[in-house]
Amino acid sequence: MEPDRQPQQKARRLLAGVLAALFAAMLLYRVLHEGHLEQTALFYVGIPAVIAVTVALTARPRSTVGMVMASITVALALAGPLLGEGIVCLVLAAPLFYLVGGLVGVLIDEVRRRTGKGRMGLLLMPLVMAAALEGTVASMPRADEVSVTVSAAGTDVERVLAAQPRFGPVESPFLRLGFPRPIRSEGTGLAVGDTRTITFTPRRSLGIGAPLEPRSLTLRVSERAPGHVVFAVVEDTTVARWMDLRQATFDWRADRLTVTIAYRRTFDPGWYFGPLQRYAVSEAAGYLARTFTS
């Protein structure tokens, strides 16, 4: 009977370890949320690190990496309904969670193999937490801008910009992951003070029974010169939780149109979210430029 009990005890121990890791991650999330730190590296680095160490200390699996990957997968699957996160956030954050969790798991397994003491993995936590402090005490530069230039041959750019745009389908695979798509626009003119209100597809939360949330972007002309106009962002309910859009600048000369979008990164760590946001903005600027030249 004793040999039969061992697999059952091991399974219970592994299950208890996974549940303990998820509970620790949920507790850390609540603490970070109450402290308004959910957009810092402490969230995106700290939570997978806590899951990894908790699994290693409680479940005692043969391979910490495997259990950590399984635990993070379960946590991400539950994150949408429980935390109200959107598909885009889950997709973009998942690689970072797996990277941090896998790295900590590999280090713990290596320490355990060399010393036979899995608890030595606790020594890794100060190093991980040091990397997780970005956004709480310091951060990489947040302000950035992206410019995209397209051909405007045969297009009266000034006339098109002054009118209401007709938005076409989004062709960028990245933006089609679930980013909001413009539907219609209200407002015309290029004089300083003229406004535009762009309505986007509503936010579809993963929360069970959650209603659709309307999203829009309001801009106002803040600068005007021949071949040059700047739209300042007045209000944004589209991607305001992911980045801080500042303004969109249109410059046209002869047969070329350049669209420059200025924004401020709001998520940490910058080494991970910085390139992602810059690429997303470049794709959005390209879509916007083609909207006014096609």
C-alpha atoms as a PDB file:
ATOM      1  CA  MET A   1       0.000   0.000   0.000  1.00  0.00           C
ATOM      2  CA  GLU A   2       2.873   2.365   0.730  1.00  0.00           C
ATOM      3  CA  PRO A   3       4.065   2.580  -2.896  1.00  0.00           C
ATOM      4  CA  ASP A   4       0.481   3.381  -3.987  1.00  0.00           C
ATOM      5  CA  ARG A   5       0.283   6.289  -1.567  1.00  0.00           C
ATOM      6  CA  GLN A   6       3.392   8.007  -2.815  1.00  0.00           C
ATOM      7  CA  PRO A   7       1.977   9.113  -6.201  1.00  0.00           C
ATOM      8  CA  GLN A   8      -1.186  10.381  -4.472  1.00  0.00           C
ATOM      9  CA  GLN A   9       0.792  12.311  -1.880  1.00  0.00           C
ATOM     10  CA  LYS A  10       3.004  13.786  -4.572  1.00  0.00           C
ATOM     11  CA  ALA A  11      -0.034  14.842  -6.610  1.00  0.00           C
ATOM     12  CA  ARG A  12      -1.619  16.477  -3.566  1.00  0.00           C
ATOM     13  CA  ARG A  13       1.622  18.256  -2.759  1.00  0.00           C
ATOM     14  CA  LEU A  14       1.948  19.555  -6.304  1.00  0.00           C
ATOM     15  CA  LEU A  15      -1.674  20.736  -6.329  1.00  0.00           C
ATOM     16  CA  ALA A  16      -1.191  22.454  -2.976  1.00  0.00           C
ATOM     17  CA  GLY A  17       1.947  24.117  -4.310  1.00  0.00           C
ATOM     18  CA  VAL A  18       0.170  25.458  -7.394  1.00  0.00           C
ATOM     19  CA  LEU A  19      -2.740  26.765  -5.313  1.00  0.00           C
ATOM     20  CA  ALA A  20      -0.347  28.389  -2.857  1.00  0.00           C
ATOM     21  CA  ALA A  21       1.523  30.057  -5.729  1.00  0.00           C
ATOM     22  CA  LEU A  22      -1.691  31.392  -7.258  1.00  0.00           C
ATOM     23  CA  PHE A  23      -2.873  32.665  -3.881  1.00  0.00           C
ATOM     24  CA  ALA A  24       0.463  34.403  -3.292  1.00  0.00           C
ATOM     25  CA  ALA A  25       0.258  35.987  -6.761  1.00  0.00           C
ATOM     26  CA  MET A  26      -3.300  37.159  -6.145  1.00  0.00           C
ATOM     27  CA  LEU A  27      -2.327  38.615  -2.768  1.00  0.00           C
ATOM     28  CA  LEU A  28       0.621  40.459  -4.316  1.00  0.00           C
ATOM     29  CA  TYR A  29      -1.646  41.791  -7.064  1.00  0.00           C
ATOM     30  CA  ARG A  30      -4.081  43.189  -4.500  1.00  0.00           C
ATOM     31  CA  VAL A  31      -1.255  44.875  -2.610  1.00  0.00           C
ATOM     32  CA  LEU A  32       0.176  46.394  -5.804  1.00  0.00           C
ATOM     33  CA  HIS A  33      -3.272  47.471  -6.982  1.00  0.00           C
ATOM     34  CA  GLU A  34      -4.032  49.241  -3.714  1.00  0.00           C
ATOM     35  CA  GLY A  35      -0.656  50.977  -3.942  1.00  0.00           C
ATOM     36  CA  HIS A  36      -1.284  51.959  -7.596  1.00  0.00           C
ATOM     37  CA  LEU A  37       1.776  49.961  -8.678  1.00  0.00           C
ATOM     38  CA  GLU A  38       0.062  47.603 -11.139  1.00  0.00           C
ATOM     39  CA  GLN A  39       1.799  49.235 -14.118  1.00  0.00           C
ATOM     40  CA  THR A  40       5.311  48.924 -12.695  1.00  0.00           C
ATOM     41  CA  ALA A  41       7.920  46.219 -13.143  1.00  0.00           C
ATOM     42  CA  LEU A  42       7.087  45.112  -9.606  1.00  0.00           C
ATOM     43  CA  PHE A  43       3.890  43.683 -11.071  1.00  0.00           C
ATOM     44  CA  TYR A  44       5.200  42.128 -14.274  1.00  0.00           C
ATOM     45  CA  VAL A  45       8.449  40.828 -12.778  1.00  0.00           C
ATOM     46  CA  GLY A  46       7.461  40.359  -9.151  1.00  0.00           C
ATOM     47  CA  ILE A  47       4.359  38.226  -9.659  1.00  0.00           C
ATOM     48  CA  PRO A  48       5.937  35.504 -11.845  1.00  0.00           C
ATOM     49  CA  ALA A  49       8.944  35.464  -9.495  1.00  0.00           C
ATOM     50  CA  VAL A  50       6.645  34.953  -6.499  1.00  0.00           C
ATOM     51  CA  ILE A  51       4.846  32.137  -8.327  1.00  0.00           C
ATOM     52  CA  ALA A  52       8.151  30.434  -9.138  1.00  0.00           C
ATOM     53  CA  VAL A  53       9.570  30.623  -5.615  1.00  0.00           C
ATOM     54  CA  THR A  54       6.279  29.594  -3.977  1.00  0.00           C
ATOM     55  CA  VAL A  55       6.025  26.525  -6.201  1.00  0.00           C
ATOM     56  CA  ALA A  56       9.624  25.580  -5.426  1.00  0.00           C
ATOM     57  CA  LEU A  57       9.164  25.916  -1.670  1.00  0.00           C
ATOM     58  CA  THR A  58       5.767  24.257  -1.299  1.00  0.00           C
ATOM     59  CA  ALA A  59       5.324  21.724  -4.111  1.00  0.00           C
ATOM     60  CA  ARG A  60       8.925  20.473  -4.192  1.00  0.00           C
ATOM     61  CA  PRO A  61       8.574  19.297  -7.813  1.00  0.00           C
ATOM     62  CA  ARG A  62      11.239  17.325  -9.631  1.00  0.00           C
ATOM     63  CA  SER A  63      11.437  20.141 -12.177  1.00  0.00           C
ATOM     64  CA  THR A  64      10.615  23.609 -10.888  1.00  0.00           C
ATOM     65  CA  VAL A  65      10.543  25.031 -14.421  1.00  0.00           C
ATOM     66  CA  GLY A  66       7.764  22.718 -15.569  1.00  0.00           C
ATOM     67  CA  MET A  67       5.592  23.459 -12.565  1.00  0.00           C
ATOM     68  CA  VAL A  68       6.219  27.186 -12.849  1.00  0.00           C
ATOM     69  CA  MET A  69       5.180  27.186 -16.510  1.00  0.00           C
ATOM     70  CA  ALA A  70       2.014  25.267 -15.661  1.00  0.00           C
ATOM     71  CA  SER A  71       1.207  27.583 -12.754  1.00  0.00           C
ATOM     72  CA  ILE A  72       1.711  30.725 -14.836  1.00  0.00           C
ATOM     73  CA  THR A  73      -0.483  29.282 -17.591  1.00  0.00           C
ATOM     74  CA  VAL A  74      -3.284  28.694 -15.093  1.00  0.00           C
ATOM     75  CA  ALA A  75      -2.769  32.161 -13.602  1.00  0.00           C
ATOM     76  CA  LEU A  76      -2.976  33.845 -17.022  1.00  0.00           C
ATOM     77  CA  ALA A  77      -6.077  31.837 -17.913  1.00  0.00           C
ATOM     78  CA  LEU A  78      -7.749  33.075 -14.734  1.00  0.00           C
ATOM     79  CA  ALA A  79      -6.437  36.637 -14.987  1.00  0.00           C
ATOM     80  CA  GLY A  80      -9.034  37.802 -17.508  1.00  0.00           C
ATOM     81  CA  PRO A  81     -12.264  36.942 -15.672  1.00  0.00           C
ATOM     82  CA  LEU A  82     -10.831  37.610 -12.199  1.00  0.00           C
ATOM     83  CA  LEU A  83      -8.856  40.794 -12.825  1.00  0.00           C
ATOM     84  CA  GLY A  84     -10.795  42.274 -15.715  1.00  0.00           C
ATOM     85  CA  GLU A  85      -7.809  42.430 -18.085  1.00  0.00           C
ATOM     86  CA  GLY A  86      -8.272  42.479 -21.848  1.00  0.00           C
ATOM     87  CA  ILE A  87      -6.966  40.002 -24.372  1.00  0.00           C
ATOM     88  CA  VAL A  88      -4.301  42.438 -25.611  1.00  0.00           C
ATOM     89  CA  CYS A  89      -2.830  42.896 -22.129  1.00  0.00           C
ATOM     90  CA  LEU A  90      -2.735  39.140 -21.562  1.00  0.00           C
ATOM     91  CA  VAL A  91      -1.108  38.428 -24.907  1.00  0.00           C
ATOM     92  CA  LEU A  92       1.535  41.137 -24.525  1.00  0.00           C
ATOM     93  CA  ALA A  93       2.347  40.399 -20.887  1.00  0.00           C
ATOM     94  CA  ALA A  94       2.418  36.594 -21.188  1.00  0.00           C
ATOM     95  CA  PRO A  95       5.947  36.325 -22.698  1.00  0.00           C
ATOM     96  CA  LEU A  96       7.342  38.461 -19.871  1.00  0.00           C
ATOM     97  CA  PHE A  97       5.653  36.305 -17.237  1.00  0.00           C
ATOM     98  CA  TYR A  98       7.005  33.123 -18.816  1.00  0.00           C
ATOM     99  CA  LEU A  99      10.469  34.649 -19.211  1.00  0.00           C
ATOM    100  CA  VAL A 100      10.789  35.746 -15.583  1.00  0.00           C
ATOM    101  CA  GLY A 101       9.143  32.620 -14.187  1.00  0.00           C
ATOM    102  CA  GLY A 102      11.244  30.330 -16.360  1.00  0.00           C
ATOM    103  CA  LEU A 103      14.474  32.143 -15.481  1.00  0.00           C
ATOM    104  CA  VAL A 104      13.807  31.930 -11.744  1.00  0.00           C
ATOM    105  CA  GLY A 105      12.769  28.278 -12.113  1.00  0.00           C
ATOM    106  CA  VAL A 106      15.971  27.396 -13.998  1.00  0.00           C
ATOM    107  CA  LEU A 107      18.108  29.109 -11.369  1.00  0.00           C
ATOM    108  CA  ILE A 108      16.303  27.320  -8.526  1.00  0.00           C
ATOM    109  CA  ASP A 109      16.684  23.949 -10.258  1.00  0.00           C
ATOM    110  CA  GLU A 110      20.389  24.650 -10.810  1.00  0.00           C
ATOM    111  CA  VAL A 111      20.946  25.626  -7.183  1.00  0.00           C
ATOM    112  CA  ARG A 112      19.052  22.543  -6.026  1.00  0.00           C
ATOM    113  CA  ARG A 113      21.085  20.302  -8.327  1.00  0.00           C
ATOM    114  CA  ARG A 114      24.370  21.670  -7.082  1.00  0.00           C
ATOM    115  CA  THR A 115      23.563  21.969  -3.372  1.00  0.00           C
ATOM    116  CA  GLY A 116      20.565  19.756  -2.818  1.00  0.00           C
ATOM    117  CA  LYS A 117      18.862  22.620  -1.019  1.00  0.00           C
ATOM    118  CA  GLY A 118      16.000  24.142  -2.893  1.00  0.00           C
ATOM    119  CA  ARG A 119      15.599  26.846  -0.248  1.00  0.00           C
ATOM    120  CA  MET A 120      18.815  28.383  -1.505  1.00  0.00           C
ATOM    121  CA  GLY A 121      16.605  29.725  -4.258  1.00  0.00           C
ATOM    122  CA  LEU A 122      15.463  32.394  -1.809  1.00  0.00           C
ATOM    123  CA  LEU A 123      18.857  34.000  -2.302  1.00  0.00           C
ATOM    124  CA  LEU A 124      17.787  34.779  -5.857  1.00  0.00           C
ATOM    125  CA  MET A 125      14.872  36.903  -4.756  1.00  0.00           C
ATOM    126  CA  PRO A 126      16.891  40.079  -3.987  1.00  0.00           C
ATOM    127  CA  LEU A 127      18.281  39.981  -7.540  1.00  0.00           C
ATOM    128  CA  VAL A 128      14.856  39.503  -9.079  1.00  0.00           C
ATOM    129  CA  MET A 129      13.256  42.151  -6.905  1.00  0.00           C
ATOM    130  CA  ALA A 130      16.008  44.617  -7.819  1.00  0.00           C
ATOM    131  CA  ALA A 131      14.971  44.223 -11.454  1.00  0.00           C
ATOM    132  CA  ALA A 132      11.342  44.608 -10.407  1.00  0.00           C
ATOM    133  CA  LEU A 133      11.799  48.036  -8.852  1.00  0.00           C
ATOM    134  CA  GLU A 134      11.658  49.923 -12.154  1.00  0.00           C
ATOM    135  CA  GLY A 135       8.727  52.272 -12.048  1.00  0.00           C
ATOM    136  CA  THR A 136       8.656  52.430  -8.253  1.00  0.00           C
ATOM    137  CA  VAL A 137      11.904  54.307  -7.594  1.00  0.00           C
ATOM    138  CA  ALA A 138      13.176  55.064 -11.122  1.00  0.00           C
ATOM    139  CA  SER A 139      12.395  54.332 -14.743  1.00  0.00           C
ATOM    140  CA  MET A 140      13.794  54.476 -18.227  1.00  0.00           C
ATOM    141  CA  PRO A 141      12.772  57.581 -20.254  1.00  0.00           C
ATOM    142  CA  ARG A 142       9.016  57.503 -20.846  1.00  0.00           C
ATOM    143  CA  ALA A 143       8.405  60.222 -23.452  1.00  0.00           C
ATOM    144  CA  ASP A 144       8.750  59.060 -27.052  1.00  0.00           C
ATOM    145  CA  GLU A 145       7.481  59.724 -30.557  1.00  0.00           C
ATOM    146  CA  VAL A 146       7.245  57.784 -33.787  1.00  0.00           C
ATOM    147  CA  SER A 147       7.117  59.129 -37.361  1.00  0.00           C
ATOM    148  CA  VAL A 148       5.889  57.369 -40.490  1.00  0.00           C
ATOM    149  CA  THR A 149       6.108  58.815 -44.027  1.00  0.00           C
ATOM    150  CA  VAL A 150       3.958  57.597 -46.924  1.00  0.00           C
ATOM    151  CA  SER A 151       3.371  58.635 -50.496  1.00  0.00           C
ATOM    152  CA  ALA A 152       0.609  61.216 -50.992  1.00  0.00           C
ATOM    153  CA  ALA A 153       0.790  61.399 -54.778  1.00  0.00           C
ATOM    154  CA  GLY A 154      -2.512  62.493 -56.268  1.00  0.00           C
ATOM    155  CA  THR A 155      -4.020  63.393 -52.883  1.00  0.00           C
ATOM    156  CA  ASP A 156      -5.051  66.839 -51.664  1.00  0.00           C
ATOM    157  CA  VAL A 157      -3.868  66.140 -48.113  1.00  0.00           C
ATOM    158  CA  GLU A 158      -5.084  69.435 -46.675  1.00  0.00           C
ATOM    159  CA  ARG A 159      -8.594  68.905 -47.996  1.00  0.00           C
ATOM    160  CA  VAL A 160      -8.739  65.314 -46.766  1.00  0.00           C
ATOM    161  CA  LEU A 161      -7.447  66.248 -43.317  1.00  0.00           C
ATOM    162  CA  ALA A 162     -10.043  69.001 -43.006  1.00  0.00           C
ATOM    163  CA  ALA A 163     -12.894  66.591 -43.742  1.00  0.00           C
ATOM    164  CA  GLN A 164     -14.205  63.636 -41.786  1.00  0.00           C
ATOM    165  CA  PRO A 165     -11.982  60.590 -42.413  1.00  0.00           C
ATOM    166  CA  ARG A 166     -13.293  57.308 -43.718  1.00  0.00           C
ATOM    167  CA  PHE A 167     -11.575  54.565 -41.789  1.00  0.00           C
ATOM    168  CA  GLY A 168     -10.740  51.388 -43.649  1.00  0.00           C
ATOM    169  CA  PRO A 169      -9.970  47.901 -42.354  1.00  0.00           C
ATOM    170  CA  VAL A 170      -6.951  47.418 -40.098  1.00  0.00           C
ATOM    171  CA  GLU A 171      -4.390  45.317 -41.968  1.00  0.00           C
ATOM    172  CA  SER A 172      -1.615  45.211 -39.338  1.00  0.00           C
ATOM    173  CA  PRO A 173      -1.526  41.724 -37.724  1.00  0.00           C
ATOM    174  CA  PHE A 174      -0.235  43.301 -34.511  1.00  0.00           C
ATOM    175  CA  LEU A 175      -3.062  45.830 -34.237  1.00  0.00           C
ATOM    176  CA  ARG A 176      -5.581  43.115 -35.055  1.00  0.00           C
ATOM    177  CA  LEU A 177      -4.682  41.268 -31.850  1.00  0.00           C
ATOM    178  CA  GLY A 178      -7.477  43.189 -30.164  1.00  0.00           C
ATOM    179  CA  PHE A 179      -6.541  46.854 -30.203  1.00  0.00           C
ATOM    180  CA  PRO A 180      -9.482  49.271 -30.547  1.00  0.00           C
ATOM    181  CA  ARG A 181     -10.443  50.031 -34.153  1.00  0.00           C
ATOM    182  CA  PRO A 182     -11.765  53.455 -35.246  1.00  0.00           C
ATOM    183  CA  ILE A 183     -15.367  53.403 -36.458  1.00  0.00           C
ATOM    184  CA  ARG A 184     -16.376  56.993 -37.149  1.00  0.00           C
ATOM    185  CA  SER A 185     -15.288  60.582 -36.570  1.00  0.00           C
ATOM    186  CA  GLU A 186     -17.128  63.800 -35.782  1.00  0.00           C
ATOM    187  CA  GLY A 187     -15.813  67.305 -36.459  1.00  0.00           C
ATOM    188  CA  THR A 188     -14.109  69.062 -39.369  1.00  0.00           C
ATOM    189  CA  GLY A 189     -11.707  71.905 -40.077  1.00  0.00           C
ATOM    190  CA  LEU A 190      -8.011  72.631 -39.533  1.00  0.00           C
ATOM    191  CA  ALA A 191      -8.218  75.982 -37.737  1.00  0.00           C
ATOM    192  CA  VAL A 192      -6.750  76.199 -34.255  1.00  0.00           C
ATOM    193  CA  GLY A 193      -9.453  75.076 -31.844  1.00  0.00           C
ATOM    194  CA  ASP A 194     -11.244  72.736 -34.263  1.00  0.00           C
ATOM    195  CA  THR A 195     -11.921  69.361 -32.673  1.00  0.00           C
ATOM    196  CA  ARG A 196     -12.321  65.745 -33.694  1.00  0.00           C
ATOM    197  CA  THR A 197     -14.030  63.008 -31.701  1.00  0.00           C
ATOM    198  CA  ILE A 198     -13.209  59.522 -32.954  1.00  0.00           C
ATOM    199  CA  THR A 199     -15.355  56.622 -31.790  1.00  0.00           C
ATOM    200  CA  PHE A 200     -13.663  53.224 -31.466  1.00  0.00           C
ATOM    201  CA  THR A 201     -14.934  49.700 -31.074  1.00  0.00           C
ATOM    202  CA  PRO A 202     -16.181  49.201 -27.489  1.00  0.00           C
ATOM    203  CA  ARG A 203     -14.057  47.464 -24.896  1.00  0.00           C
ATOM    204  CA  ARG A 204     -15.040  43.836 -24.431  1.00  0.00           C
ATOM    205  CA  SER A 205     -13.983  42.898 -20.925  1.00  0.00           C
ATOM    206  CA  LEU A 206     -13.373  39.245 -20.071  1.00  0.00           C
ATOM    207  CA  GLY A 207     -15.360  39.696 -16.885  1.00  0.00           C
ATOM    208  CA  ILE A 208     -18.405  37.426 -16.809  1.00  0.00           C
ATOM    209  CA  GLY A 209     -21.504  39.464 -17.656  1.00  0.00           C
ATOM    210  CA  ALA A 210     -19.493  42.674 -18.002  1.00  0.00           C
ATOM    211  CA  PRO A 211     -21.172  45.280 -20.264  1.00  0.00           C
ATOM    212  CA  LEU A 212     -19.450  46.767 -23.298  1.00  0.00           C
ATOM    213  CA  GLU A 213     -17.545  49.951 -22.493  1.00  0.00           C
ATOM    214  CA  PRO A 214     -17.628  52.781 -25.083  1.00  0.00           C
ATOM    215  CA  ARG A 215     -14.267  54.201 -26.185  1.00  0.00           C
ATOM    216  CA  SER A 216     -13.388  57.451 -27.921  1.00  0.00           C
ATOM    217  CA  LEU A 217     -10.538  59.855 -28.604  1.00  0.00           C
ATOM    218  CA  THR A 218     -11.001  63.651 -28.626  1.00  0.00           C
ATOM    219  CA  LEU A 219      -8.413  65.863 -30.321  1.00  0.00           C
ATOM    220  CA  ARG A 220      -8.107  69.608 -30.820  1.00  0.00           C
ATOM    221  CA  VAL A 221      -6.018  71.506 -33.396  1.00  0.00           C
ATOM    222  CA  SER A 222      -3.271  73.223 -31.379  1.00  0.00           C
ATOM    223  CA  GLU A 223      -0.899  74.373 -34.154  1.00  0.00           C
ATOM    224  CA  ARG A 224      -1.475  75.339 -37.767  1.00  0.00           C
ATOM    225  CA  ALA A 225       0.906  76.394 -40.542  1.00  0.00           C
ATOM    226  CA  PRO A 226       1.179  75.748 -44.296  1.00  0.00           C
ATOM    227  CA  GLY A 227       1.693  72.021 -44.746  1.00  0.00           C
ATOM    228  CA  HIS A 228       1.604  71.473 -40.987  1.00  0.00           C
ATOM    229  CA  VAL A 229      -1.078  70.776 -38.368  1.00  0.00           C
ATOM    230  CA  VAL A 230      -0.915  69.405 -34.821  1.00  0.00           C
ATOM    231  CA  PHE A 231      -3.808  67.638 -33.092  1.00  0.00           C
ATOM    232  CA  ALA A 232      -3.428  67.620 -29.301  1.00  0.00           C
ATOM    233  CA  VAL A 233      -5.127  64.828 -27.357  1.00  0.00           C
ATOM    234  CA  VAL A 234      -7.839  66.268 -25.108  1.00  0.00           C
ATOM    235  CA  GLU A 235      -9.408  63.055 -23.836  1.00  0.00           C
ATOM    236  CA  ASP A 236      -8.638  59.390 -24.450  1.00  0.00           C
ATOM    237  CA  THR A 237     -10.604  56.337 -23.315  1.00  0.00           C
ATOM    238  CA  THR A 238      -9.130  53.987 -25.918  1.00  0.00           C
ATOM    239  CA  VAL A 239      -5.581  53.078 -24.838  1.00  0.00           C
ATOM    240  CA  ALA A 240      -5.218  55.423 -21.835  1.00  0.00           C
ATOM    241  CA  ARG A 241      -4.602  52.441 -19.538  1.00  0.00           C
ATOM    242  CA  TRP A 242      -1.738  51.267 -21.734  1.00  0.00           C
ATOM    243  CA  MET A 243      -0.068  54.503 -22.852  1.00  0.00           C
ATOM    244  CA  ASP A 244      -0.511  58.258 -22.586  1.00  0.00           C
ATOM    245  CA  LEU A 245      -1.128  59.680 -26.066  1.00  0.00           C
ATOM    246  CA  ARG A 246      -0.050  63.342 -26.335  1.00  0.00           C
ATOM    247  CA  GLN A 247      -0.454  64.582 -29.922  1.00  0.00           C
ATOM    248  CA  ALA A 248      -0.485  63.701 -33.607  1.00  0.00           C
ATOM    249  CA  THR A 249       1.398  65.898 -36.072  1.00  0.00           C
ATOM    250  CA  PHE A 250       0.772  65.931 -39.837  1.00  0.00           C
ATOM    251  CA  ASP A 251       3.394  67.389 -42.204  1.00  0.00           C
ATOM    252  CA  TRP A 252       2.919  67.286 -45.967  1.00  0.00           C
ATOM    253  CA  ARG A 253       5.104  68.498 -48.789  1.00  0.00           C
ATOM    254  CA  ALA A 254       4.576  67.772 -52.495  1.00  0.00           C
ATOM    255  CA  ASP A 255       3.756  64.073 -52.657  1.00  0.00           C
ATOM    256  CA  ARG A 256       4.735  63.001 -49.125  1.00  0.00           C
ATOM    257  CA  LEU A 257       2.811  62.890 -45.850  1.00  0.00           C
ATOM    258  CA  THR A 258       4.535  62.370 -42.495  1.00  0.00           C
ATOM    259  CA  VAL A 259       2.539  61.448 -39.405  1.00  0.00           C
ATOM    260  CA  THR A 260       4.251  61.784 -36.020  1.00  0.00           C
ATOM    261  CA  ILE A 261       2.603  60.477 -32.861  1.00  0.00           C
ATOM    262  CA  ALA A 262       3.970  61.635 -29.507  1.00  0.00           C
ATOM    263  CA  TYR A 263       3.162  59.579 -26.417  1.00  0.00           C
ATOM    264  CA  ARG A 264       4.346  58.698 -22.948  1.00  0.00           C
ATOM    265  CA  ARG A 265       4.957  55.114 -21.852  1.00  0.00           C
ATOM    266  CA  THR A 266       3.067  54.208 -18.687  1.00  0.00           C
ATOM    267  CA  PHE A 267       4.097  50.561 -18.213  1.00  0.00           C
ATOM    268  CA  ASP A 268       7.324  49.120 -16.810  1.00  0.00           C
ATOM    269  CA  PRO A 269       9.775  47.524 -17.309  1.00  0.00           C
ATOM    270  CA  GLY A 270      10.790  49.872 -20.106  1.00  0.00           C
ATOM    271  CA  TRP A 271      13.157  47.377 -21.733  1.00  0.00           C
ATOM    272  CA  TYR A 272      10.135  45.149 -22.440  1.00  0.00           C
ATOM    273  CA  PHE A 273       7.125  47.430 -22.908  1.00  0.00           C
ATOM    274  CA  GLY A 274       9.109  50.241 -24.548  1.00  0.00           C
ATOM    275  CA  PRO A 275       9.761  48.399 -27.848  1.00  0.00           C
ATOM    276  CA  LEU A 276       6.252  46.901 -27.842  1.00  0.00           C
ATOM    277  CA  GLN A 277       4.577  50.278 -27.465  1.00  0.00           C
ATOM    278  CA  ARG A 278       6.875  51.904 -30.007  1.00  0.00           C
ATOM    279  CA  TYR A 279       6.029  49.227 -32.570  1.00  0.00           C
ATOM    280  CA  ALA A 280       2.300  49.556 -31.840  1.00  0.00           C
ATOM    281  CA  VAL A 281       2.467  53.341 -32.286  1.00  0.00           C
ATOM    282  CA  SER A 282       4.396  52.979 -35.557  1.00  0.00           C
ATOM    283  CA  GLU A 283       1.730  50.609 -36.891  1.00  0.00           C
ATOM    284  CA  ALA A 284      -1.005  53.033 -35.780  1.00  0.00           C
ATOM    285  CA  ALA A 285       0.797  55.987 -37.396  1.00  0.00           C
ATOM    286  CA  GLY A 286       1.111  54.019 -40.643  1.00  0.00           C
ATOM    287  CA  TYR A 287      -2.598  53.188 -40.580  1.00  0.00           C
ATOM    288  CA  LEU A 288      -3.454  56.832 -39.919  1.00  0.00           C
ATOM    289  CA  ALA A 289      -1.198  58.055 -42.734  1.00  0.00           C
ATOM    290  CA  ARG A 290      -2.722  55.642 -45.234  1.00  0.00           C
ATOM    291  CA  THR A 291      -6.231  56.676 -44.139  1.00  0.00           C
ATOM    292  CA  PHE A 292      -5.572  60.211 -45.386  1.00  0.00           C
ATOM    293  CA  THR A 293      -3.749  59.277 -48.591  1.00  0.00           C
ATOM    294  CA  SER A 294      -5.698  56.362 -50.002  1.00  0.00           C
END
